[in-house]
C-alpha atoms as a PDB file:
ATOM      1  CA  MET A   1      -0.073  -0.149  -0.151  1.00  0.00           C
ATOM      2  CA  GLN A   2       2.795   2.585   0.807  1.00  0.00           C
ATOM      3  CA  GLU A   3       4.414   1.465  -2.373  1.00  0.00           C
ATOM      4  CA  LEU A   4       1.431   2.753  -4.370  1.00  0.00           C
ATOM      5  CA  GLN A   5       0.868   5.932  -2.463  1.00  0.00           C
ATOM      6  CA  LEU A   6       4.388   6.409  -3.460  1.00  0.00           C
ATOM      7  CA  ARG A   7       4.057   6.112  -6.959  1.00  0.00           C
ATOM      8  CA  TRP A   8       0.799   8.175  -7.131  1.00  0.00           C
ATOM      9  CA  PHE A   9       2.521  10.986  -4.844  1.00  0.00           C
ATOM     10  CA  THR A  10       5.672  10.996  -7.445  1.00  0.00           C
ATOM     11  CA  ALA A  11       3.419  10.960 -10.460  1.00  0.00           C
ATOM     12  CA  LEU A  12       1.912  13.897  -9.266  1.00  0.00           C
ATOM     13  CA  GLN A  13       4.951  15.459  -8.278  1.00  0.00           C
ATOM     14  CA  ASP A  14       6.504  15.115 -11.758  1.00  0.00           C
ATOM     15  CA  ALA A  15       4.148  14.593 -14.694  1.00  0.00           C
ATOM     16  CA  GLY A  16       6.348  13.700 -17.737  1.00  0.00           C
ATOM     17  CA  GLY A  17       9.595  15.468 -16.393  1.00  0.00           C
ATOM     18  CA  LYS A  18       8.132  18.987 -15.634  1.00  0.00           C
ATOM     19  CA  SER A  19       7.170  19.728 -12.214  1.00  0.00           C
ATOM     20  CA  GLN A  20       3.521  20.466 -11.561  1.00  0.00           C
ATOM     21  CA  THR A  21       1.674  22.055  -8.620  1.00  0.00           C
ATOM     22  CA  TYR A  22      -2.062  22.188  -8.087  1.00  0.00           C
ATOM     23  CA  LEU A  23      -3.868  25.267  -9.839  1.00  0.00           C
ATOM     24  CA  TRP A  24      -5.576  26.660  -6.690  1.00  0.00           C
ATOM     25  CA  VAL A  25      -1.962  27.216  -5.161  1.00  0.00           C
ATOM     26  CA  GLU A  26      -0.853  29.294  -8.214  1.00  0.00           C
ATOM     27  CA  ALA A  27      -3.891  31.343  -8.125  1.00  0.00           C
ATOM     28  CA  ALA A  28      -3.408  31.677  -4.092  1.00  0.00           C
ATOM     29  CA  VAL A  29      -0.053  32.645  -4.690  1.00  0.00           C
ATOM     30  CA  ARG A  30      -0.596  34.925  -7.400  1.00  0.00           C
ATOM     31  CA  LEU A  31      -3.493  36.716  -5.553  1.00  0.00           C
ATOM     32  CA  MET A  32      -1.343  37.071  -2.266  1.00  0.00           C
ATOM     33  CA  ARG A  33       1.012  39.117  -4.526  1.00  0.00           C
ATOM     34  CA  PRO A  34      -1.128  42.486  -4.578  1.00  0.00           C
ATOM     35  CA  LEU A  35      -2.197  42.027  -1.152  1.00  0.00           C
ATOM     36  CA  ILE A  36       1.511  41.776   0.663  1.00  0.00           C
ATOM     37  CA  GLY A  37       2.709  44.488  -1.931  1.00  0.00           C
ATOM     38  CA  ALA A  38       0.265  46.831  -0.663  1.00  0.00           C
ATOM     39  CA  ILE A  39       0.992  45.442   3.161  1.00  0.00           C
ATOM     40  CA  VAL A  40       4.561  46.789   2.815  1.00  0.00           C
ATOM     41  CA  MET A  41       3.842  49.931   0.885  1.00  0.00           C
ATOM     42  CA  LEU A  42       1.640  50.967   3.845  1.00  0.00           C
ATOM     43  CA  THR A  43       4.441  50.197   6.570  1.00  0.00           C
ATOM     44  CA  TRP A  44       7.179  51.995   4.573  1.00  0.00           C
ATOM     45  CA  ALA A  45       4.737  55.245   4.054  1.00  0.00           C
ATOM     46  CA  ASP A  46       3.825  54.771   7.615  1.00  0.00           C
ATOM     47  CA  SER A  47       7.943  54.416   8.778  1.00  0.00           C
ATOM     48  CA  HIS A  48       8.553  57.532   6.939  1.00  0.00           C
ATOM     49  CA  GLY A  49       5.435  59.476   8.408  1.00  0.00           C
ATOM     50  CA  PHE A  50       3.253  59.976   5.402  1.00  0.00           C
ATOM     51  CA  LEU A  51       0.637  58.189   6.842  1.00  0.00           C
ATOM     52  CA  TRP A  52      -0.475  57.949  10.434  1.00  0.00           C
ATOM     53  CA  ASN A  53       3.048  57.129  12.172  1.00  0.00           C
ATOM     54  CA  LEU A  54       1.833  54.936  14.477  1.00  0.00           C
ATOM     55  CA  ALA A  55       5.105  52.972  15.083  1.00  0.00           C
ATOM     56  CA  GLN A  56       8.470  54.323  15.391  1.00  0.00           C
ATOM     57  CA  ALA A  57       9.899  52.530  12.839  1.00  0.00           C
ATOM     58  CA  ASP A  58      13.632  52.118  11.901  1.00  0.00           C
ATOM     59  CA  THR A  59      13.414  53.171   8.617  1.00  0.00           C
ATOM     60  CA  GLU A  60      16.753  51.304   7.340  1.00  0.00           C
ATOM     61  CA  SER A  61      15.290  47.919   8.073  1.00  0.00           C
ATOM     62  CA  VAL A  62      12.074  48.715   6.622  1.00  0.00           C
ATOM     63  CA  ASP A  63      13.515  50.526   3.354  1.00  0.00           C
ATOM     64  CA  ASN A  64      15.388  46.916   3.066  1.00  0.00           C
ATOM     65  CA  PHE A  65      12.429  44.804   3.366  1.00  0.00           C
ATOM     66  CA  ALA A  66      10.496  47.130   1.040  1.00  0.00           C
ATOM     67  CA  SER A  67      12.815  47.013  -1.793  1.00  0.00           C
ATOM     68  CA  ALA A  68      13.335  43.193  -1.412  1.00  0.00           C
ATOM     69  CA  ILE A  69       9.795  42.811  -1.746  1.00  0.00           C
ATOM     70  CA  GLY A  70       9.730  45.383  -4.742  1.00  0.00           C
ATOM     71  CA  PHE A  71      12.259  43.198  -6.279  1.00  0.00           C
ATOM     72  CA  TYR A  72      10.320  39.971  -5.977  1.00  0.00           C
ATOM     73  CA  LEU A  73       7.380  41.455  -7.123  1.00  0.00           C
ATOM     74  CA  PHE A  74       8.747  43.251 -10.010  1.00  0.00           C
ATOM     75  CA  GLY A  75      12.287  42.564 -10.480  1.00  0.00           C
ATOM     76  CA  ASP A  76      12.215  38.839 -11.621  1.00  0.00           C
ATOM     77  CA  ARG A  77       9.897  39.788 -14.848  1.00  0.00           C
ATOM     78  CA  SER A  78      11.998  42.786 -15.542  1.00  0.00           C
ATOM     79  CA  LEU A  79      15.157  40.496 -15.113  1.00  0.00           C
ATOM     80  CA  PHE A  80      13.657  37.859 -17.360  1.00  0.00           C
ATOM     81  CA  TYR A  81      13.094  40.487 -20.198  1.00  0.00           C
ATOM     82  CA  ALA A  82      16.021  42.228 -19.753  1.00  0.00           C
ATOM     83  CA  LYS A  83      18.099  39.022 -20.425  1.00  0.00           C
ATOM     84  CA  LYS A  84      15.538  38.033 -23.025  1.00  0.00           C
ATOM     85  CA  ALA A  85      16.120  41.609 -25.177  1.00  0.00           C
ATOM     86  CA  THR A  86      20.003  40.966 -24.670  1.00  0.00           C
ATOM     87  CA  ALA A  87      19.848  37.608 -26.039  1.00  0.00           C
ATOM     88  CA  LYS A  88      18.817  38.819 -29.463  1.00  0.00           C
END
């Protein structure tokens, strides 16, 4: 029985040599990007006093975190297109 479950799990994870994920997982990840981006931008704006300034945050740490999230959201696609444009 365990061998059958292992083969079933392997077939789900490796369909024809390509890694497959469930569609609802991909949809959830794609829907989280704008929400996380909005939360990070609101935190960044609050730490710099643009909003309520409820928390006296260390702005250097918040700036570093916001830049990392910004690269995650936009930089990977931009880097992909830049590499594609220079390859021609």
